[in-house]
């Protein structure tokens, strides 16, 4: 997972130790935030950088 630019639902579910349906909800929420900012998104995937920023509050290396 460390070298991926985009995370899929399995990556998010495993990383956060949550169910796959909950991971889909999180990805959908993050992608909606990115869409509102004018970014292009891919359904079922989320930018690793944005995911880490939201999870860690931007303190991740």
Protein backbone atom coordinates (compact mmCIF):
# COMPACT_ATOMS: atom_id res chain seq x y z
CA UNK A 1 0.00 0.00 0.00
CA UNK A 2 2.92 2.37 0.59
CA UNK A 3 3.80 2.86 -3.07
CA UNK A 4 0.27 3.29 -4.40
CA UNK A 5 -0.83 6.71 -5.55
CA UNK A 6 -4.52 5.78 -5.23
CA UNK A 7 -6.11 3.53 -2.63
CA UNK A 8 -8.96 1.19 -3.42
CA UNK A 9 -11.70 0.01 -1.08
CA UNK A 10 -9.74 -3.01 0.12
CA UNK A 11 -6.76 -0.83 1.02
CA UNK A 12 -8.92 1.59 3.02
CA UNK A 13 -10.82 -1.23 4.76
CA UNK A 14 -7.62 -3.01 5.73
CA UNK A 15 -5.83 0.16 6.81
CA UNK A 16 -8.68 1.41 9.00
CA UNK A 17 -9.75 -2.10 10.10
CA UNK A 18 -13.33 -1.52 8.97
CA UNK A 19 -15.82 -3.31 6.74
CA UNK A 20 -15.77 -2.92 2.97
CA UNK A 21 -19.17 -1.13 2.89
CA UNK A 22 -17.90 1.41 5.43
CA UNK A 23 -14.73 1.90 3.38
CA UNK A 24 -16.91 2.65 0.33
CA UNK A 25 -18.74 5.31 2.35
CA UNK A 26 -15.47 6.93 3.39
CA UNK A 27 -14.09 6.90 -0.17
CA UNK A 28 -17.36 8.37 -1.47
CA UNK A 29 -17.23 11.15 1.16
CA UNK A 30 -13.61 12.01 0.40
CA UNK A 31 -14.23 11.97 -3.36
CA UNK A 32 -17.24 14.27 -2.93
CA UNK A 33 -15.01 16.70 -1.03
CA UNK A 34 -12.46 16.58 -3.85
CA UNK A 35 -15.17 17.10 -6.47
CA UNK A 36 -16.39 20.17 -4.60
CA UNK A 37 -12.83 21.53 -4.81
CA UNK A 38 -12.80 20.99 -8.57
CA UNK A 39 -10.64 17.86 -8.75
CA UNK A 40 -11.29 14.83 -10.96
CA UNK A 41 -11.94 11.62 -9.08
CA UNK A 42 -12.25 7.93 -9.90
CA UNK A 43 -15.12 6.03 -8.30
CA UNK A 44 -13.93 3.41 -5.82
CA UNK A 45 -10.50 4.98 -5.43
CA UNK A 46 -9.15 7.87 -3.42
CA UNK A 47 -5.91 9.79 -3.55
CA UNK A 48 -3.50 8.34 -1.02
CA UNK A 49 -2.19 11.80 -0.18
CA UNK A 50 -5.67 13.20 0.47
CA UNK A 51 -6.67 10.12 2.48
CA UNK A 52 -3.60 10.42 4.72
CA UNK A 53 -4.16 14.15 5.11
CA UNK A 54 -7.73 13.56 6.29
CA UNK A 55 -6.80 10.65 8.56
CA UNK A 56 -3.64 12.15 10.06
CA UNK A 57 -4.54 15.82 9.78
CA UNK A 58 -1.71 16.55 7.35
CA UNK A 59 1.03 15.42 9.71
CA UNK A 60 1.99 12.32 7.74
CA UNK A 61 5.38 12.24 6.05
